[in-house]
């Protein structure tokens, strides 16, 4: 997804925020990701003003590297399909 998404390497914590491609709707993307066995929290769930619609929050703390890689590959396929 090089050039299509943005994120900063976390310096701590258990989550990473990802900015989706312009015009993406994180809420609409969630059921498509769930169909591929990927979960994330849509950005609007963290905004009191319905903001962050183009952001998702991913947890990386409780998964082994192979699981993370597989999940990112499935999520990338969902994002590419939009």
PDB file of N, CA and C in Angstrom:
ATOM      1  N   UNK A   1       0.817  -1.208   0.000  1.00  0.00           N
ATOM      2  CA  UNK A   1       0.000   0.000   0.000  1.00  0.00           C
ATOM      3  C   UNK A   1       0.850   1.257   0.000  1.00  0.00           C
ATOM      4  N   UNK A   2       2.087   1.102  -0.387  1.00  0.00           N
ATOM      5  CA  UNK A   2       3.003   2.232  -0.418  1.00  0.00           C
ATOM      6  C   UNK A   2       2.393   3.405  -1.186  1.00  0.00           C
ATOM      7  N   UNK A   3       2.370   4.561  -0.531  1.00  0.00           N
ATOM      8  CA  UNK A   3       1.834   5.754  -1.155  1.00  0.00           C
ATOM      9  C   UNK A   3       0.328   5.893  -1.018  1.00  0.00           C
ATOM     10  N   UNK A   4      -0.359   4.863  -0.550  1.00  0.00           N
ATOM     11  CA  UNK A   4      -1.821   4.923  -0.416  1.00  0.00           C
ATOM     12  C   UNK A   4      -2.271   5.161   1.016  1.00  0.00           C
ATOM     13  N   UNK A   5      -1.478   4.710   1.989  1.00  0.00           N
ATOM     14  CA  UNK A   5      -1.817   4.926   3.391  1.00  0.00           C
ATOM     15  C   UNK A   5      -0.666   5.643   4.073  1.00  0.00           C
ATOM     16  N   UNK A   6      -0.945   6.187   5.255  1.00  0.00           N
ATOM     17  CA  UNK A   6       0.095   6.832   6.054  1.00  0.00           C
ATOM     18  C   UNK A   6       0.006   6.317   7.478  1.00  0.00           C
ATOM     19  N   UNK A   7       1.148   6.161   8.112  1.00  0.00           N
ATOM     20  CA  UNK A   7       1.201   5.798   9.526  1.00  0.00           C
ATOM     21  C   UNK A   7       2.562   6.194  10.061  1.00  0.00           C
ATOM     22  N   UNK A   8       2.627   6.319  11.363  1.00  0.00           N
ATOM     23  CA  UNK A   8       3.898   6.586  12.029  1.00  0.00           C
ATOM     24  C   UNK A   8       4.219   5.384  12.895  1.00  0.00           C
ATOM     25  N   UNK A   9       5.455   4.963  12.889  1.00  0.00           N
ATOM     26  CA  UNK A   9       5.858   3.849  13.748  1.00  0.00           C
ATOM     27  C   UNK A   9       5.619   4.248  15.197  1.00  0.00           C
ATOM     28  N   UNK A  10       4.890   3.429  15.933  1.00  0.00           N
ATOM     29  CA  UNK A  10       4.602   3.792  17.327  1.00  0.00           C
ATOM     30  C   UNK A  10       5.861   3.747  18.189  1.00  0.00           C
ATOM     31  N   UNK A  11       5.920   4.659  19.133  1.00  0.00           N
ATOM     32  CA  UNK A  11       7.047   4.702  20.059  1.00  0.00           C
ATOM     33  C   UNK A  11       6.685   4.060  21.394  1.00  0.00           C
ATOM     34  N   UNK A  12       5.501   3.509  21.476  1.00  0.00           N
ATOM     35  CA  UNK A  12       5.025   2.860  22.682  1.00  0.00           C
ATOM     36  C   UNK A  12       3.563   2.507  22.512  1.00  0.00           C
ATOM     37  N   UNK A  13       3.010   1.850  23.489  1.00  0.00           N
ATOM     38  CA  UNK A  13       1.599   1.508  23.449  1.00  0.00           C
ATOM     39  C   UNK A  13       1.341   0.207  22.712  1.00  0.00           C
ATOM     40  N   UNK A  14       0.075  -0.014  22.402  1.00  0.00           N
ATOM     41  CA  UNK A  14      -0.360  -1.272  21.816  1.00  0.00           C
ATOM     42  C   UNK A  14      -1.076  -1.111  20.484  1.00  0.00           C
ATOM     43  N   UNK A  15      -1.134   0.119  19.964  1.00  0.00           N
ATOM     44  CA  UNK A  15      -1.927   0.395  18.768  1.00  0.00           C
ATOM     45  C   UNK A  15      -1.155   1.245  17.780  1.00  0.00           C
ATOM     46  N   UNK A  16      -1.598   1.175  16.551  1.00  0.00           N
ATOM     47  CA  UNK A  16      -1.064   2.039  15.502  1.00  0.00           C
ATOM     48  C   UNK A  16      -2.248   2.659  14.762  1.00  0.00           C
ATOM     49  N   UNK A  17      -2.133   3.947  14.486  1.00  0.00           N
ATOM     50  CA  UNK A  17      -3.150   4.645  13.704  1.00  0.00           C
ATOM     51  C   UNK A  17      -2.723   4.649  12.240  1.00  0.00           C
ATOM     52  N   UNK A  18      -3.687   4.395  11.368  1.00  0.00           N
ATOM     53  CA  UNK A  18      -3.433   4.372   9.926  1.00  0.00           C
ATOM     54  C   UNK A  18      -4.394   5.344   9.256  1.00  0.00           C
ATOM     55  N   UNK A  19      -3.833   6.231   8.425  1.00  0.00           N
ATOM     56  CA  UNK A  19      -4.673   7.116   7.601  1.00  0.00           C
ATOM     57  C   UNK A  19      -4.923   6.388   6.288  1.00  0.00           C
ATOM     58  N   UNK A  20      -6.185   6.153   6.005  1.00  0.00           N
ATOM     59  CA  UNK A  20      -6.578   5.449   4.790  1.00  0.00           C
ATOM     60  C   UNK A  20      -6.458   6.357   3.576  1.00  0.00           C
ATOM     61  N   UNK A  21      -6.545   5.796   2.373  1.00  0.00           N
ATOM     62  CA  UNK A  21      -6.508   6.628   1.174  1.00  0.00           C
ATOM     63  C   UNK A  21      -7.623   7.684   1.194  1.00  0.00           C
ATOM     64  N   UNK A  22      -7.347   8.792   0.580  1.00  0.00           N
ATOM     65  CA  UNK A  22      -8.294   9.907   0.503  1.00  0.00           C
ATOM     66  C   UNK A  22      -9.669   9.405   0.072  1.00  0.00           C
ATOM     67  N   UNK A  23     -10.695   9.859   0.767  1.00  0.00           N
ATOM     68  CA  UNK A  23     -12.063   9.493   0.441  1.00  0.00           C
ATOM     69  C   UNK A  23     -12.531   8.185   1.045  1.00  0.00           C
ATOM     70  N   UNK A  24     -11.662   7.502   1.792  1.00  0.00           N
ATOM     71  CA  UNK A  24     -12.047   6.230   2.409  1.00  0.00           C
ATOM     72  C   UNK A  24     -12.946   6.471   3.615  1.00  0.00           C
ATOM     73  N   UNK A  25     -13.801   5.521   3.881  1.00  0.00           N
ATOM     74  CA  UNK A  25     -14.707   5.559   5.018  1.00  0.00           C
ATOM     75  C   UNK A  25     -14.408   4.346   5.896  1.00  0.00           C
ATOM     76  N   UNK A  26     -13.789   4.589   7.030  1.00  0.00           N
ATOM     77  CA  UNK A  26     -13.375   3.494   7.916  1.00  0.00           C
ATOM     78  C   UNK A  26     -14.557   2.653   8.371  1.00  0.00           C
ATOM     79  N   UNK A  27     -15.690   3.300   8.646  1.00  0.00           N
ATOM     80  CA  UNK A  27     -16.877   2.558   9.097  1.00  0.00           C
ATOM     81  C   UNK A  27     -17.356   1.603   8.007  1.00  0.00           C
ATOM     82  N   UNK A  28     -17.360   2.048   6.756  1.00  0.00           N
ATOM     83  CA  UNK A  28     -17.807   1.205   5.649  1.00  0.00           C
ATOM     84  C   UNK A  28     -16.805   0.091   5.356  1.00  0.00           C
ATOM     85  N   UNK A  29     -15.551   0.344   5.647  1.00  0.00           N
ATOM     86  CA  UNK A  29     -14.501  -0.646   5.394  1.00  0.00           C
ATOM     87  C   UNK A  29     -14.535  -1.797   6.395  1.00  0.00           C
ATOM     88  N   UNK A  30     -15.013  -1.535   7.614  1.00  0.00           N
ATOM     89  CA  UNK A  30     -14.965  -2.543   8.675  1.00  0.00           C
ATOM     90  C   UNK A  30     -15.669  -3.855   8.311  1.00  0.00           C
ATOM     91  N   UNK A  31     -16.911  -3.849   7.826  1.00  0.00           N
ATOM     92  CA  UNK A  31     -17.533  -5.142   7.510  1.00  0.00           C
ATOM     93  C   UNK A  31     -16.805  -5.903   6.401  1.00  0.00           C
ATOM     94  N   UNK A  32     -16.208  -5.192   5.478  1.00  0.00           N
ATOM     95  CA  UNK A  32     -15.443  -5.846   4.410  1.00  0.00           C
ATOM     96  C   UNK A  32     -14.196  -6.517   4.990  1.00  0.00           C
ATOM     97  N   UNK A  33     -13.562  -5.825   5.931  1.00  0.00           N
ATOM     98  CA  UNK A  33     -12.389  -6.406   6.595  1.00  0.00           C
ATOM     99  C   UNK A  33     -12.795  -7.605   7.445  1.00  0.00           C
ATOM    100  N   UNK A  34     -13.905  -7.487   8.146  1.00  0.00           N
ATOM    101  CA  UNK A  34     -14.376  -8.599   8.980  1.00  0.00           C
ATOM    102  C   UNK A  34     -14.669  -9.840   8.137  1.00  0.00           C
ATOM    103  N   UNK A  35     -15.152  -9.628   6.921  1.00  0.00           N
ATOM    104  CA  UNK A  35     -15.376 -10.758   6.018  1.00  0.00           C
ATOM    105  C   UNK A  35     -14.082 -11.512   5.738  1.00  0.00           C
ATOM    106  N   UNK A  36     -12.947 -10.817   5.867  1.00  0.00           N
ATOM    107  CA  UNK A  36     -11.628 -11.428   5.657  1.00  0.00           C
ATOM    108  C   UNK A  36     -10.910 -11.699   6.979  1.00  0.00           C
ATOM    109  N   UNK A  37     -11.695 -11.717   8.054  1.00  0.00           N
ATOM    110  CA  UNK A  37     -11.180 -12.051   9.390  1.00  0.00           C
ATOM    111  C   UNK A  37     -10.157 -11.052   9.915  1.00  0.00           C
ATOM    112  N   UNK A  38     -10.397  -9.769   9.627  1.00  0.00           N
ATOM    113  CA  UNK A  38      -9.556  -8.689  10.134  1.00  0.00           C
ATOM    114  C   UNK A  38     -10.447  -7.733  10.919  1.00  0.00           C
ATOM    115  N   UNK A  39      -9.987  -7.345  12.086  1.00  0.00           N
ATOM    116  CA  UNK A  39     -10.722  -6.389  12.917  1.00  0.00           C
ATOM    117  C   UNK A  39      -9.881  -5.136  13.117  1.00  0.00           C
ATOM    118  N   UNK A  40     -10.540  -4.015  13.224  1.00  0.00           N
ATOM    119  CA  UNK A  40      -9.901  -2.763  13.600  1.00  0.00           C
ATOM    120  C   UNK A  40     -10.963  -1.869  14.194  1.00  0.00           C
ATOM    121  N   UNK A  41     -10.538  -0.791  14.785  1.00  0.00           N
ATOM    122  CA  UNK A  41     -11.469   0.189  15.315  1.00  0.00           C
ATOM    123  C   UNK A  41     -11.497   1.372  14.359  1.00  0.00           C
ATOM    124  N   UNK A  42     -12.664   1.707  13.816  1.00  0.00           N
ATOM    125  CA  UNK A  42     -12.773   2.882  12.958  1.00  0.00           C
ATOM    126  C   UNK A  42     -12.512   4.160  13.752  1.00  0.00           C
ATOM    127  N   UNK A  43     -11.846   5.085  13.137  1.00  0.00           N
ATOM    128  CA  UNK A  43     -11.497   6.340  13.793  1.00  0.00           C
ATOM    129  C   UNK A  43     -12.654   7.079  14.432  1.00  0.00           C
ATOM    130  N   UNK A  44     -13.837   7.135  13.802  1.00  0.00           N
ATOM    131  CA  UNK A  44     -14.937   7.895  14.402  1.00  0.00           C
ATOM    132  C   UNK A  44     -15.322   7.431  15.812  1.00  0.00           C
ATOM    133  N   UNK A  45     -14.985   6.217  16.176  1.00  0.00           N
ATOM    134  CA  UNK A  45     -15.297   5.742  17.530  1.00  0.00           C
ATOM    135  C   UNK A  45     -14.451   6.452  18.590  1.00  0.00           C
ATOM    136  N   UNK A  46     -13.436   7.191  18.153  1.00  0.00           N
ATOM    137  CA  UNK A  46     -12.562   7.909  19.075  1.00  0.00           C
ATOM    138  C   UNK A  46     -12.726   9.418  18.952  1.00  0.00           C
ATOM    139  N   UNK A  47     -13.748   9.844  18.251  1.00  0.00           N
ATOM    140  CA  UNK A  47     -13.965  11.267  18.025  1.00  0.00           C
ATOM    141  C   UNK A  47     -15.335  11.676  18.558  1.00  0.00           C
ATOM    142  N   UNK A  48     -15.371  12.736  19.327  1.00  0.00           N
ATOM    143  CA  UNK A  48     -16.653  13.235  19.835  1.00  0.00           C
ATOM    144  C   UNK A  48     -17.399  14.048  18.785  1.00  0.00           C
ATOM    145  N   UNK A  49     -16.752  14.319  17.670  1.00  0.00           N
ATOM    146  CA  UNK A  49     -17.364  15.158  16.629  1.00  0.00           C
ATOM    147  C   UNK A  49     -17.505  14.433  15.299  1.00  0.00           C
ATOM    148  N   UNK A  50     -17.547  13.104  15.354  1.00  0.00           N
ATOM    149  CA  UNK A  50     -17.711  12.298  14.135  1.00  0.00           C
ATOM    150  C   UNK A  50     -16.540  12.475  13.170  1.00  0.00           C
ATOM    151  N   UNK A  51     -15.389  12.869  13.697  1.00  0.00           N
ATOM    152  CA  UNK A  51     -14.208  13.038  12.862  1.00  0.00           C
ATOM    153  C   UNK A  51     -13.461  11.727  12.688  1.00  0.00           C
ATOM    154  N   UNK A  52     -12.313  11.792  12.091  1.00  0.00           N
ATOM    155  CA  UNK A  52     -11.409  10.662  11.889  1.00  0.00           C
ATOM    156  C   UNK A  52     -12.001   9.574  10.998  1.00  0.00           C
ATOM    157  N   UNK A  53     -12.901   9.943  10.107  1.00  0.00           N
ATOM    158  CA  UNK A  53     -13.551   8.968   9.235  1.00  0.00           C
ATOM    159  C   UNK A  53     -12.614   8.229   8.310  1.00  0.00           C
ATOM    160  N   UNK A  54     -11.454   8.790   8.046  1.00  0.00           N
ATOM    161  CA  UNK A  54     -10.487   8.156   7.168  1.00  0.00           C
ATOM    162  C   UNK A  54      -9.348   7.485   7.915  1.00  0.00           C
ATOM    163  N   UNK A  55      -9.555   7.189   9.193  1.00  0.00           N
ATOM    164  CA  UNK A  55      -8.513   6.573  10.013  1.00  0.00           C
ATOM    165  C   UNK A  55      -9.013   5.272  10.623  1.00  0.00           C
ATOM    166  N   UNK A  56      -8.060   4.349  10.835  1.00  0.00           N
ATOM    167  CA  UNK A  56      -8.344   3.128  11.584  1.00  0.00           C
ATOM    168  C   UNK A  56      -7.269   2.960  12.643  1.00  0.00           C
ATOM    169  N   UNK A  57      -7.628   2.280  13.731  1.00  0.00           N
ATOM    170  CA  UNK A  57      -6.674   1.984  14.791  1.00  0.00           C
ATOM    171  C   UNK A  57      -6.515   0.469  14.858  1.00  0.00           C
ATOM    172  N   UNK A  58      -5.278   0.029  14.734  1.00  0.00           N
ATOM    173  CA  UNK A  58      -4.961  -1.396  14.730  1.00  0.00           C
ATOM    174  C   UNK A  58      -4.176  -1.766  15.979  1.00  0.00           C
ATOM    175  N   UNK A  59      -4.503  -2.907  16.556  1.00  0.00           N
ATOM    176  CA  UNK A  59      -3.743  -3.437  17.686  1.00  0.00           C
ATOM    177  C   UNK A  59      -2.659  -4.360  17.145  1.00  0.00           C
ATOM    178  N   UNK A  60      -1.472  -4.251  17.720  1.00  0.00           N
ATOM    179  CA  UNK A  60      -0.384  -5.155  17.325  1.00  0.00           C
ATOM    180  C   UNK A  60       0.207  -5.881  18.524  1.00  0.00           C
ATOM    181  N   UNK A  61      -0.345  -5.655  19.699  1.00  0.00           N
ATOM    182  CA  UNK A  61       0.282  -6.134  20.925  1.00  0.00           C
ATOM    183  C   UNK A  61       0.057  -7.610  21.232  1.00  0.00           C
ATOM    184  N   UNK A  62      -1.008  -8.184  20.755  1.00  0.00           N
ATOM    185  CA  UNK A  62      -1.378  -9.529  21.199  1.00  0.00           C
ATOM    186  C   UNK A  62      -1.222 -10.591  20.126  1.00  0.00           C
ATOM    187  N   UNK A  63      -0.476 -10.286  19.090  1.00  0.00           N
ATOM    188  CA  UNK A  63      -0.359 -11.203  17.957  1.00  0.00           C
ATOM    189  C   UNK A  63       1.105 -11.499  17.665  1.00  0.00           C
ATOM    190  N   UNK A  64       1.359 -12.684  17.185  1.00  0.00           N
ATOM    191  CA  UNK A  64       2.697 -13.068  16.753  1.00  0.00           C
ATOM    192  C   UNK A  64       2.964 -12.446  15.382  1.00  0.00           C
ATOM    193  N   UNK A  65       4.237 -12.222  15.035  1.00  0.00           N
ATOM    194  CA  UNK A  65       4.558 -11.626  13.737  1.00  0.00           C
ATOM    195  C   UNK A  65       3.885 -12.320  12.540  1.00  0.00           C
ATOM    196  N   UNK A  66       3.847 -13.647  12.448  1.00  0.00           N
ATOM    197  CA  UNK A  66       3.174 -14.253  11.296  1.00  0.00           C
ATOM    198  C   UNK A  66       1.682 -13.897  11.224  1.00  0.00           C
ATOM    199  N   UNK A  67       1.030 -13.791  12.382  1.00  0.00           N
ATOM    200  CA  UNK A  67      -0.383 -13.405  12.398  1.00  0.00           C
ATOM    201  C   UNK A  67      -0.551 -11.955  11.948  1.00  0.00           C
ATOM    202  N   UNK A  68       0.355 -11.086  12.387  1.00  0.00           N
ATOM    203  CA  UNK A  68       0.295  -9.684  11.979  1.00  0.00           C
ATOM    204  C   UNK A  68       0.484  -9.538  10.475  1.00  0.00           C
ATOM    205  N   UNK A  69       1.445 -10.254   9.939  1.00  0.00           N
ATOM    206  CA  UNK A  69       1.716 -10.187   8.498  1.00  0.00           C
ATOM    207  C   UNK A  69       0.490 -10.662   7.711  1.00  0.00           C
ATOM    208  N   UNK A  70      -0.091 -11.775   8.113  1.00  0.00           N
ATOM    209  CA  UNK A  70      -1.272 -12.304   7.420  1.00  0.00           C
ATOM    210  C   UNK A  70      -2.435 -11.322   7.516  1.00  0.00           C
ATOM    211  N   UNK A  71      -2.638 -10.731   8.685  1.00  0.00           N
ATOM    212  CA  UNK A  71      -3.720  -9.762   8.852  1.00  0.00           C
ATOM    213  C   UNK A  71      -3.529  -8.521   8.006  1.00  0.00           C
ATOM    214  N   UNK A  72      -2.303  -8.028   7.955  1.00  0.00           N
ATOM    215  CA  UNK A  72      -2.012  -6.843   7.131  1.00  0.00           C
ATOM    216  C   UNK A  72      -2.209  -7.163   5.653  1.00  0.00           C
ATOM    217  N   UNK A  73      -1.826  -8.335   5.229  1.00  0.00           N
ATOM    218  CA  UNK A  73      -2.031  -8.719   3.827  1.00  0.00           C
ATOM    219  C   UNK A  73      -3.522  -8.766   3.492  1.00  0.00           C
ATOM    220  N   UNK A  74      -4.339  -9.319   4.400  1.00  0.00           N
ATOM    221  CA  UNK A  74      -5.784  -9.373   4.158  1.00  0.00           C
ATOM    222  C   UNK A  74      -6.388  -7.975   4.166  1.00  0.00           C
ATOM    223  N   UNK A  75      -5.953  -7.138   5.099  1.00  0.00           N
ATOM    224  CA  UNK A  75      -6.458  -5.758   5.164  1.00  0.00           C
ATOM    225  C   UNK A  75      -6.052  -4.985   3.917  1.00  0.00           C
ATOM    226  N   UNK A  76      -4.837  -5.160   3.477  1.00  0.00           N
ATOM    227  CA  UNK A  76      -4.371  -4.484   2.254  1.00  0.00           C
ATOM    228  C   UNK A  76      -5.231  -4.869   1.059  1.00  0.00           C
ATOM    229  N   UNK A  77      -5.602  -6.135   0.970  1.00  0.00           N
ATOM    230  CA  UNK A  77      -6.457  -6.582  -0.142  1.00  0.00           C
ATOM    231  C   UNK A  77      -7.805  -5.880  -0.091  1.00  0.00           C
ATOM    232  N   UNK A  78      -8.340  -5.691   1.108  1.00  0.00           N
ATOM    233  CA  UNK A  78      -9.626  -4.989   1.259  1.00  0.00           C
ATOM    234  C   UNK A  78      -9.474  -3.539   0.812  1.00  0.00           C
ATOM    235  N   UNK A  79      -8.424  -2.881   1.267  1.00  0.00           N
ATOM    236  CA  UNK A  79      -8.217  -1.467   0.915  1.00  0.00           C
ATOM    237  C   UNK A  79      -8.004  -1.322  -0.594  1.00  0.00           C
ATOM    238  N   UNK A  80      -7.238  -2.216  -1.190  1.00  0.00           N
ATOM    239  CA  UNK A  80      -7.015  -2.141  -2.649  1.00  0.00           C
ATOM    240  C   UNK A  80      -8.314  -2.326  -3.430  1.00  0.00           C
ATOM    241  N   UNK A  81      -9.235  -3.103  -2.887  1.00  0.00           N
ATOM    242  CA  UNK A  81     -10.481  -3.395  -3.610  1.00  0.00           C
ATOM    243  C   UNK A  81     -11.452  -2.211  -3.617  1.00  0.00           C
ATOM    244  N   UNK A  82     -11.182  -1.203  -2.827  1.00  0.00           N
ATOM    245  CA  UNK A  82     -12.093  -0.051  -2.727  1.00  0.00           C
ATOM    246  C   UNK A  82     -11.757   1.004  -3.721  1.00  0.00           C
TER     247      UNK A  82
END
